[in-house]
Amino acid sequence: MVEPLDEALDGYTKASSEWNDCIYDSDFSCDVDDLDLSSGWLLAGASLLSAEEFVDGADGDAA
């Protein structure tokens, strides 16, 4: 269960970093409308679903 949760956190962290890098860009060369953060969010969501399925399958006992 730790691995999917770690992957989820990694996906959210990467998306957050990309967002922050863009909005705090001192050159103003990044356009937030052009950002596509969906891949990080989708990976994180799938990883969370894997962790949830593990817990549901173990009835919460092995988690």
PDB file of N, CA and C in Angstrom:
ATOM      1  N   MET A   1       0.815  -1.183   0.000  1.00  0.00           N
ATOM      2  CA  MET A   1       0.000   0.000   0.000  1.00  0.00           C
ATOM      3  C   MET A   1       0.863   1.254   0.000  1.00  0.00           C
ATOM      4  N   VAL A   2       2.050   1.168   0.564  1.00  0.00           N
ATOM      5  CA  VAL A   2       2.915   2.342   0.637  1.00  0.00           C
ATOM      6  C   VAL A   2       3.339   2.800  -0.760  1.00  0.00           C
ATOM      7  N   GLU A   3       3.626   1.848  -1.637  1.00  0.00           N
ATOM      8  CA  GLU A   3       4.091   2.204  -2.981  1.00  0.00           C
ATOM      9  C   GLU A   3       3.064   3.033  -3.764  1.00  0.00           C
ATOM     10  N   PRO A   4       1.783   2.624  -3.827  1.00  0.00           N
ATOM     11  CA  PRO A   4       0.820   3.461  -4.545  1.00  0.00           C
ATOM     12  C   PRO A   4       0.636   4.837  -3.908  1.00  0.00           C
ATOM     13  N   LEU A   5       0.684   4.899  -2.586  1.00  0.00           N
ATOM     14  CA  LEU A   5       0.551   6.205  -1.931  1.00  0.00           C
ATOM     15  C   LEU A   5       1.759   7.090  -2.222  1.00  0.00           C
ATOM     16  N   ASP A   6       2.943   6.482  -2.278  1.00  0.00           N
ATOM     17  CA  ASP A   6       4.148   7.224  -2.620  1.00  0.00           C
ATOM     18  C   ASP A   6       4.069   7.736  -4.057  1.00  0.00           C
ATOM     19  N   GLU A   7       3.566   6.905  -4.967  1.00  0.00           N
ATOM     20  CA  GLU A   7       3.397   7.315  -6.361  1.00  0.00           C
ATOM     21  C   GLU A   7       2.386   8.458  -6.474  1.00  0.00           C
ATOM     22  N   ALA A   8       1.319   8.387  -5.696  1.00  0.00           N
ATOM     23  CA  ALA A   8       0.318   9.453  -5.711  1.00  0.00           C
ATOM     24  C   ALA A   8       0.922  10.763  -5.238  1.00  0.00           C
ATOM     25  N   LEU A   9       1.649  10.707  -4.148  1.00  0.00           N
ATOM     26  CA  LEU A   9       2.289  11.914  -3.627  1.00  0.00           C
ATOM     27  C   LEU A   9       3.275  12.478  -4.643  1.00  0.00           C
ATOM     28  N   ASP A  10       4.013  11.603  -5.306  1.00  0.00           N
ATOM     29  CA  ASP A  10       4.971  12.038  -6.324  1.00  0.00           C
ATOM     30  C   ASP A  10       4.260  12.743  -7.479  1.00  0.00           C
ATOM     31  N   GLY A  11       3.130  12.184  -7.921  1.00  0.00           N
ATOM     32  CA  GLY A  11       2.370  12.810  -9.007  1.00  0.00           C
ATOM     33  C   GLY A  11       1.840  14.178  -8.628  1.00  0.00           C
ATOM     34  N   TYR A  12       1.272  14.287  -7.437  1.00  0.00           N
ATOM     35  CA  TYR A  12       0.777  15.582  -6.964  1.00  0.00           C
ATOM     36  C   TYR A  12       1.922  16.577  -6.784  1.00  0.00           C
ATOM     37  N   THR A  13       3.064  16.122  -6.285  1.00  0.00           N
ATOM     38  CA  THR A  13       4.216  16.995  -6.070  1.00  0.00           C
ATOM     39  C   THR A  13       4.749  17.530  -7.390  1.00  0.00           C
ATOM     40  N   LYS A  14       4.843  16.665  -8.396  1.00  0.00           N
ATOM     41  CA  LYS A  14       5.329  17.112  -9.711  1.00  0.00           C
ATOM     42  C   LYS A  14       4.394  18.142 -10.323  1.00  0.00           C
ATOM     43  N   ALA A  15       3.101  17.900 -10.238  1.00  0.00           N
ATOM     44  CA  ALA A  15       2.130  18.856 -10.775  1.00  0.00           C
ATOM     45  C   ALA A  15       2.206  20.179 -10.024  1.00  0.00           C
ATOM     46  N   SER A  16       2.333  20.109  -8.713  1.00  0.00           N
ATOM     47  CA  SER A  16       2.437  21.321  -7.903  1.00  0.00           C
ATOM     48  C   SER A  16       3.701  22.104  -8.232  1.00  0.00           C
ATOM     49  N   SER A  17       4.795  21.401  -8.407  1.00  0.00           N
ATOM     50  CA  SER A  17       6.057  22.065  -8.737  1.00  0.00           C
ATOM     51  C   SER A  17       5.975  22.752 -10.096  1.00  0.00           C
ATOM     52  N   GLU A  18       5.375  22.067 -11.055  1.00  0.00           N
ATOM     53  CA  GLU A  18       5.228  22.658 -12.387  1.00  0.00           C
ATOM     54  C   GLU A  18       4.360  23.918 -12.317  1.00  0.00           C
ATOM     55  N   TRP A  19       3.283  23.850 -11.563  1.00  0.00           N
ATOM     56  CA  TRP A  19       2.396  24.998 -11.384  1.00  0.00           C
ATOM     57  C   TRP A  19       3.146  26.159 -10.723  1.00  0.00           C
ATOM     58  N   ASN A  20       3.847  25.867  -9.623  1.00  0.00           N
ATOM     59  CA  ASN A  20       4.581  26.917  -8.916  1.00  0.00           C
ATOM     60  C   ASN A  20       5.685  27.515  -9.775  1.00  0.00           C
ATOM     61  N   ASP A  21       6.395  26.676 -10.521  1.00  0.00           N
ATOM     62  CA  ASP A  21       7.445  27.192 -11.406  1.00  0.00           C
ATOM     63  C   ASP A  21       6.869  28.165 -12.419  1.00  0.00           C
ATOM     64  N   CYS A  22       5.664  27.883 -12.873  1.00  0.00           N
ATOM     65  CA  CYS A  22       5.039  28.751 -13.866  1.00  0.00           C
ATOM     66  C   CYS A  22       4.547  30.060 -13.244  1.00  0.00           C
ATOM     67  N   ILE A  23       3.820  29.970 -12.146  1.00  0.00           N
ATOM     68  CA  ILE A  23       3.240  31.212 -11.606  1.00  0.00           C
ATOM     69  C   ILE A  23       4.277  32.125 -10.957  1.00  0.00           C
ATOM     70  N   TYR A  24       5.414  31.557 -10.564  1.00  0.00           N
ATOM     71  CA  TYR A  24       6.477  32.386  -9.979  1.00  0.00           C
ATOM     72  C   TYR A  24       7.621  32.619 -10.950  1.00  0.00           C
ATOM     73  N   ASP A  25       7.368  32.423 -12.243  1.00  0.00           N
ATOM     74  CA  ASP A  25       8.366  32.625 -13.284  1.00  0.00           C
ATOM     75  C   ASP A  25       8.721  34.110 -13.359  1.00  0.00           C
ATOM     76  N   SER A  26       9.958  34.438 -13.040  1.00  0.00           N
ATOM     77  CA  SER A  26      10.373  35.849 -13.012  1.00  0.00           C
ATOM     78  C   SER A  26      10.478  36.452 -14.405  1.00  0.00           C
ATOM     79  N   ASP A  27      10.579  35.621 -15.431  1.00  0.00           N
ATOM     80  CA  ASP A  27      10.651  36.125 -16.808  1.00  0.00           C
ATOM     81  C   ASP A  27       9.269  36.299 -17.429  1.00  0.00           C
ATOM     82  N   PHE A  28       8.250  35.830 -16.736  1.00  0.00           N
ATOM     83  CA  PHE A  28       6.871  35.872 -17.224  1.00  0.00           C
ATOM     84  C   PHE A  28       6.735  35.181 -18.580  1.00  0.00           C
ATOM     85  N   SER A  29       7.512  34.127 -18.785  1.00  0.00           N
ATOM     86  CA  SER A  29       7.483  33.415 -20.060  1.00  0.00           C
ATOM     87  C   SER A  29       6.527  32.226 -20.041  1.00  0.00           C
ATOM     88  N   CYS A  30       6.002  31.906 -18.870  1.00  0.00           N
ATOM     89  CA  CYS A  30       5.102  30.766 -18.756  1.00  0.00           C
ATOM     90  C   CYS A  30       3.658  31.250 -18.756  1.00  0.00           C
ATOM     91  N   ASP A  31       2.830  30.593 -19.530  1.00  0.00           N
ATOM     92  CA  ASP A  31       1.408  30.917 -19.596  1.00  0.00           C
ATOM     93  C   ASP A  31       0.637  29.794 -18.892  1.00  0.00           C
ATOM     94  N   VAL A  32      -0.008  30.119 -17.792  1.00  0.00           N
ATOM     95  CA  VAL A  32      -0.719  29.086 -17.027  1.00  0.00           C
ATOM     96  C   VAL A  32      -1.805  28.413 -17.857  1.00  0.00           C
ATOM     97  N   ASP A  33      -2.324  29.104 -18.851  1.00  0.00           N
ATOM     98  CA  ASP A  33      -3.353  28.505 -19.701  1.00  0.00           C
ATOM     99  C   ASP A  33      -2.783  27.393 -20.574  1.00  0.00           C
ATOM    100  N   ASP A  34      -1.470  27.398 -20.778  1.00  0.00           N
ATOM    101  CA  ASP A  34      -0.826  26.368 -21.593  1.00  0.00           C
ATOM    102  C   ASP A  34      -0.352  25.169 -20.774  1.00  0.00           C
ATOM    103  N   LEU A  35      -0.453  25.254 -19.450  1.00  0.00           N
ATOM    104  CA  LEU A  35      -0.017  24.138 -18.609  1.00  0.00           C
ATOM    105  C   LEU A  35      -0.976  22.964 -18.745  1.00  0.00           C
ATOM    106  N   ASP A  36      -0.413  21.773 -18.828  1.00  0.00           N
ATOM    107  CA  ASP A  36      -1.220  20.557 -18.814  1.00  0.00           C
ATOM    108  C   ASP A  36      -0.743  19.715 -17.643  1.00  0.00           C
ATOM    109  N   LEU A  37      -1.428  19.843 -16.534  1.00  0.00           N
ATOM    110  CA  LEU A  37      -1.066  19.128 -15.316  1.00  0.00           C
ATOM    111  C   LEU A  37      -1.832  17.818 -15.172  1.00  0.00           C
ATOM    112  N   SER A  38      -2.609  17.486 -16.178  1.00  0.00           N
ATOM    113  CA  SER A  38      -3.486  16.323 -16.075  1.00  0.00           C
ATOM    114  C   SER A  38      -2.732  15.011 -15.914  1.00  0.00           C
ATOM    115  N   SER A  39      -1.554  14.878 -16.517  1.00  0.00           N
ATOM    116  CA  SER A  39      -0.845  13.602 -16.414  1.00  0.00           C
ATOM    117  C   SER A  39      -0.444  13.307 -14.964  1.00  0.00           C
ATOM    118  N   GLY A  40       0.033  14.320 -14.251  1.00  0.00           N
ATOM    119  CA  GLY A  40       0.382  14.143 -12.841  1.00  0.00           C
ATOM    120  C   GLY A  40      -0.831  13.831 -11.991  1.00  0.00           C
ATOM    121  N   TRP A  41      -1.924  14.520 -12.254  1.00  0.00           N
ATOM    122  CA  TRP A  41      -3.150  14.286 -11.491  1.00  0.00           C
ATOM    123  C   TRP A  41      -3.736  12.920 -11.796  1.00  0.00           C
ATOM    124  N   LEU A  42      -3.686  12.504 -13.069  1.00  0.00           N
ATOM    125  CA  LEU A  42      -4.220  11.190 -13.432  1.00  0.00           C
ATOM    126  C   LEU A  42      -3.400  10.070 -12.804  1.00  0.00           C
ATOM    127  N   LEU A  43      -2.080  10.203 -12.828  1.00  0.00           N
ATOM    128  CA  LEU A  43      -1.212   9.205 -12.199  1.00  0.00           C
ATOM    129  C   LEU A  43      -1.503   9.124 -10.701  1.00  0.00           C
ATOM    130  N   ALA A  44      -1.597  10.269 -10.072  1.00  0.00           N
ATOM    131  CA  ALA A  44      -1.863  10.301  -8.633  1.00  0.00           C
ATOM    132  C   ALA A  44      -3.223   9.678  -8.314  1.00  0.00           C
ATOM    133  N   GLY A  45      -4.227  10.005  -9.108  1.00  0.00           N
ATOM    134  CA  GLY A  45      -5.558   9.453  -8.876  1.00  0.00           C
ATOM    135  C   GLY A  45      -5.585   7.939  -9.036  1.00  0.00           C
ATOM    136  N   ALA A  46      -4.907   7.438 -10.060  1.00  0.00           N
ATOM    137  CA  ALA A  46      -4.854   5.985 -10.275  1.00  0.00           C
ATOM    138  C   ALA A  46      -4.115   5.301  -9.130  1.00  0.00           C
ATOM    139  N   SER A  47      -3.068   5.924  -8.636  1.00  0.00           N
ATOM    140  CA  SER A  47      -2.308   5.354  -7.531  1.00  0.00           C
ATOM    141  C   SER A  47      -3.143   5.323  -6.255  1.00  0.00           C
ATOM    142  N   LEU A  48      -3.892   6.373  -6.014  1.00  0.00           N
ATOM    143  CA  LEU A  48      -4.774   6.393  -4.840  1.00  0.00           C
ATOM    144  C   LEU A  48      -5.852   5.323  -4.952  1.00  0.00           C
ATOM    145  N   LEU A  49      -6.367   5.120  -6.162  1.00  0.00           N
ATOM    146  CA  LEU A  49      -7.364   4.078  -6.374  1.00  0.00           C
ATOM    147  C   LEU A  49      -6.776   2.700  -6.079  1.00  0.00           C
ATOM    148  N   SER A  50      -5.527   2.475  -6.478  1.00  0.00           N
ATOM    149  CA  SER A  50      -4.863   1.193  -6.179  1.00  0.00           C
ATOM    150  C   SER A  50      -4.742   0.973  -4.674  1.00  0.00           C
ATOM    151  N   ALA A  51      -4.370   2.016  -3.963  1.00  0.00           N
ATOM    152  CA  ALA A  51      -4.249   1.902  -2.499  1.00  0.00           C
ATOM    153  C   ALA A  51      -5.610   1.639  -1.868  1.00  0.00           C
ATOM    154  N   GLU A  52      -6.630   2.311  -2.364  1.00  0.00           N
ATOM    155  CA  GLU A  52      -7.984   2.115  -1.836  1.00  0.00           C
ATOM    156  C   GLU A  52      -8.468   0.688  -2.093  1.00  0.00           C
ATOM    157  N   GLU A  53      -8.189   0.156  -3.281  1.00  0.00           N
ATOM    158  CA  GLU A  53      -8.592  -1.211  -3.595  1.00  0.00           C
ATOM    159  C   GLU A  53      -7.864  -2.209  -2.696  1.00  0.00           C
ATOM    160  N   PHE A  54      -6.611  -1.930  -2.384  1.00  0.00           N
ATOM    161  CA  PHE A  54      -5.869  -2.804  -1.476  1.00  0.00           C
ATOM    162  C   PHE A  54      -6.524  -2.834  -0.103  1.00  0.00           C
ATOM    163  N   VAL A  55      -6.850  -1.669   0.406  1.00  0.00           N
ATOM    164  CA  VAL A  55      -7.471  -1.583   1.732  1.00  0.00           C
ATOM    165  C   VAL A  55      -8.840  -2.252   1.720  1.00  0.00           C
ATOM    166  N   ASP A  56      -9.615  -2.018   0.671  1.00  0.00           N
ATOM    167  CA  ASP A  56     -10.945  -2.642   0.582  1.00  0.00           C
ATOM    168  C   ASP A  56     -10.816  -4.166   0.511  1.00  0.00           C
ATOM    169  N   GLY A  57      -9.821  -4.654  -0.218  1.00  0.00           N
ATOM    170  CA  GLY A  57      -9.626  -6.101  -0.349  1.00  0.00           C
ATOM    171  C   GLY A  57      -9.150  -6.737   0.936  1.00  0.00           C
ATOM    172  N   ALA A  58      -8.466  -5.967   1.752  1.00  0.00           N
ATOM    173  CA  ALA A  58      -7.963  -6.500   3.021  1.00  0.00           C
ATOM    174  C   ALA A  58      -8.902  -6.190   4.171  1.00  0.00           C
ATOM    175  N   ASP A  59     -10.045  -5.620   3.852  1.00  0.00           N
ATOM    176  CA  ASP A  59     -11.009  -5.190   4.879  1.00  0.00           C
ATOM    177  C   ASP A  59     -10.359  -4.260   5.896  1.00  0.00           C
ATOM    178  N   GLY A  60      -9.306  -3.558   5.462  1.00  0.00           N
ATOM    179  CA  GLY A  60      -8.618  -2.622   6.347  1.00  0.00           C
ATOM    180  C   GLY A  60      -7.656  -3.265   7.317  1.00  0.00           C
ATOM    181  N   ASP A  61      -7.617  -4.610   7.383  1.00  0.00           N
ATOM    182  CA  ASP A  61      -6.786  -5.288   8.373  1.00  0.00           C
ATOM    183  C   ASP A  61      -5.302  -5.239   8.036  1.00  0.00           C
ATOM    184  N   ALA A  62      -4.937  -5.467   6.780  1.00  0.00           N
ATOM    185  CA  ALA A  62      -3.533  -5.541   6.403  1.00  0.00           C
ATOM    186  C   ALA A  62      -2.934  -4.170   6.137  1.00  0.00           C
ATOM    187  N   ALA A  63      -3.747  -3.169   6.060  1.00  0.00           N
ATOM    188  CA  ALA A  63      -3.253  -1.826   5.783  1.00  0.00           C
ATOM    189  C   ALA A  63      -2.626  -1.286   7.026  1.00  0.00           C
TER     190      ALA A  63
END
